[in-house]
Amino acid sequence: MSGPLTLIFQRTFERVEGGTRFTIRYEVELRGFLKLLMTLLARSVKRQYEGDLRKVKELMEARAL
């Protein structure tokens, strides 16, 4: 691929005792300005995704009851 961003996104669901484990894996290759920008924003992006996933978990568990 050409351009400033290459992204590989993988989602995995696994059965575990008592429920399901949901794993997200990102592989990002940045170039140019985006590389600098992501270095500065990495923590913020991670916190945002973790918050979003906590909300998804809460919604899924509430519906399961």
C-alpha atoms as a PDB file:
ATOM      1  CA  MET A   1       0.000   0.000   0.000  1.00  0.00           C
ATOM      2  CA  SER A   2       1.113   3.530  -0.571  1.00  0.00           C
ATOM      3  CA  GLY A   3       0.211   6.553   1.485  1.00  0.00           C
ATOM      4  CA  PRO A   4       0.825   7.768   5.031  1.00  0.00           C
ATOM      5  CA  LEU A   5      -1.025   4.956   6.848  1.00  0.00           C
ATOM      6  CA  THR A   6      -1.157   1.173   6.681  1.00  0.00           C
ATOM      7  CA  LEU A   7      -3.481  -0.491   9.220  1.00  0.00           C
ATOM      8  CA  ILE A   8      -4.099  -4.143  10.019  1.00  0.00           C
ATOM      9  CA  PHE A   9      -7.006  -4.738  12.397  1.00  0.00           C
ATOM     10  CA  GLN A  10      -7.753  -8.134  13.946  1.00  0.00           C
ATOM     11  CA  ARG A  11     -10.599  -9.088  16.302  1.00  0.00           C
ATOM     12  CA  THR A  12     -10.650 -12.408  18.138  1.00  0.00           C
ATOM     13  CA  PHE A  13     -13.398 -13.982  20.249  1.00  0.00           C
ATOM     14  CA  GLU A  14     -12.418 -16.883  22.507  1.00  0.00           C
ATOM     15  CA  ARG A  15     -14.525 -19.006  24.815  1.00  0.00           C
ATOM     16  CA  VAL A  16     -13.207 -18.878  28.364  1.00  0.00           C
ATOM     17  CA  GLU A  17     -14.596 -20.108  31.625  1.00  0.00           C
ATOM     18  CA  GLY A  18     -17.456 -17.835  32.563  1.00  0.00           C
ATOM     19  CA  GLY A  19     -17.746 -15.981  29.264  1.00  0.00           C
ATOM     20  CA  THR A  20     -15.946 -14.764  26.194  1.00  0.00           C
ATOM     21  CA  ARG A  21     -12.607 -13.048  25.754  1.00  0.00           C
ATOM     22  CA  PHE A  22     -12.579 -10.349  23.093  1.00  0.00           C
ATOM     23  CA  THR A  23      -9.156  -9.268  21.839  1.00  0.00           C
ATOM     24  CA  ILE A  24      -8.345  -6.456  19.440  1.00  0.00           C
ATOM     25  CA  ARG A  25      -4.958  -6.218  17.772  1.00  0.00           C
ATOM     26  CA  TYR A  26      -3.780  -3.300  15.668  1.00  0.00           C
ATOM     27  CA  GLU A  27      -0.704  -3.075  13.522  1.00  0.00           C
ATOM     28  CA  VAL A  28      -0.108   0.399  12.227  1.00  0.00           C
ATOM     29  CA  GLU A  29       2.635   1.625   9.960  1.00  0.00           C
ATOM     30  CA  LEU A  30       2.747   5.401   9.809  1.00  0.00           C
ATOM     31  CA  ARG A  31       4.813   7.682   7.645  1.00  0.00           C
ATOM     32  CA  GLY A  32       5.611  11.365   7.676  1.00  0.00           C
ATOM     33  CA  PHE A  33       3.575  13.726   9.819  1.00  0.00           C
ATOM     34  CA  LEU A  34       1.184  10.977  10.982  1.00  0.00           C
ATOM     35  CA  LYS A  35       4.090   9.144  12.634  1.00  0.00           C
ATOM     36  CA  LEU A  36       4.894  12.191  14.773  1.00  0.00           C
ATOM     37  CA  LEU A  37       1.236  12.865  15.487  1.00  0.00           C
ATOM     38  CA  MET A  38       0.514   9.296  16.618  1.00  0.00           C
ATOM     39  CA  THR A  39       3.493   9.342  18.961  1.00  0.00           C
ATOM     40  CA  LEU A  40       1.919  12.328  20.681  1.00  0.00           C
ATOM     41  CA  LEU A  41      -1.623  10.917  20.712  1.00  0.00           C
ATOM     42  CA  ALA A  42      -0.982   7.223  21.469  1.00  0.00           C
ATOM     43  CA  ARG A  43      -2.023   7.313  25.138  1.00  0.00           C
ATOM     44  CA  SER A  44      -5.152   9.304  24.423  1.00  0.00           C
ATOM     45  CA  VAL A  45      -6.196   6.938  21.631  1.00  0.00           C
ATOM     46  CA  LYS A  46      -5.593   3.903  23.858  1.00  0.00           C
ATOM     47  CA  ARG A  47      -7.694   5.360  26.697  1.00  0.00           C
ATOM     48  CA  GLN A  48     -10.508   6.177  24.281  1.00  0.00           C
ATOM     49  CA  TYR A  49     -10.620   2.619  22.885  1.00  0.00           C
ATOM     50  CA  GLU A  50     -10.453   1.086  26.358  1.00  0.00           C
ATOM     51  CA  GLY A  51     -13.382   3.249  27.469  1.00  0.00           C
ATOM     52  CA  ASP A  52     -15.368   2.317  24.373  1.00  0.00           C
ATOM     53  CA  LEU A  53     -14.704  -1.384  24.917  1.00  0.00           C
ATOM     54  CA  ARG A  54     -15.732  -1.188  28.582  1.00  0.00           C
ATOM     55  CA  LYS A  55     -19.049   0.321  27.475  1.00  0.00           C
ATOM     56  CA  VAL A  56     -19.550  -2.405  24.840  1.00  0.00           C
ATOM     57  CA  LYS A  57     -18.845  -5.046  27.493  1.00  0.00           C
ATOM     58  CA  GLU A  58     -21.375  -3.486  29.873  1.00  0.00           C
ATOM     59  CA  LEU A  59     -24.027  -3.350  27.162  1.00  0.00           C
ATOM     60  CA  MET A  60     -23.415  -6.930  26.063  1.00  0.00           C
ATOM     61  CA  GLU A  61     -23.494  -8.258  29.614  1.00  0.00           C
ATOM     62  CA  ALA A  62     -26.678  -6.332  30.457  1.00  0.00           C
ATOM     63  CA  ARG A  63     -28.422  -7.792  27.420  1.00  0.00           C
ATOM     64  CA  ALA A  64     -27.257 -11.321  28.330  1.00  0.00           C
ATOM     65  CA  LEU A  65     -29.076 -11.175  31.668  1.00  0.00           C
END
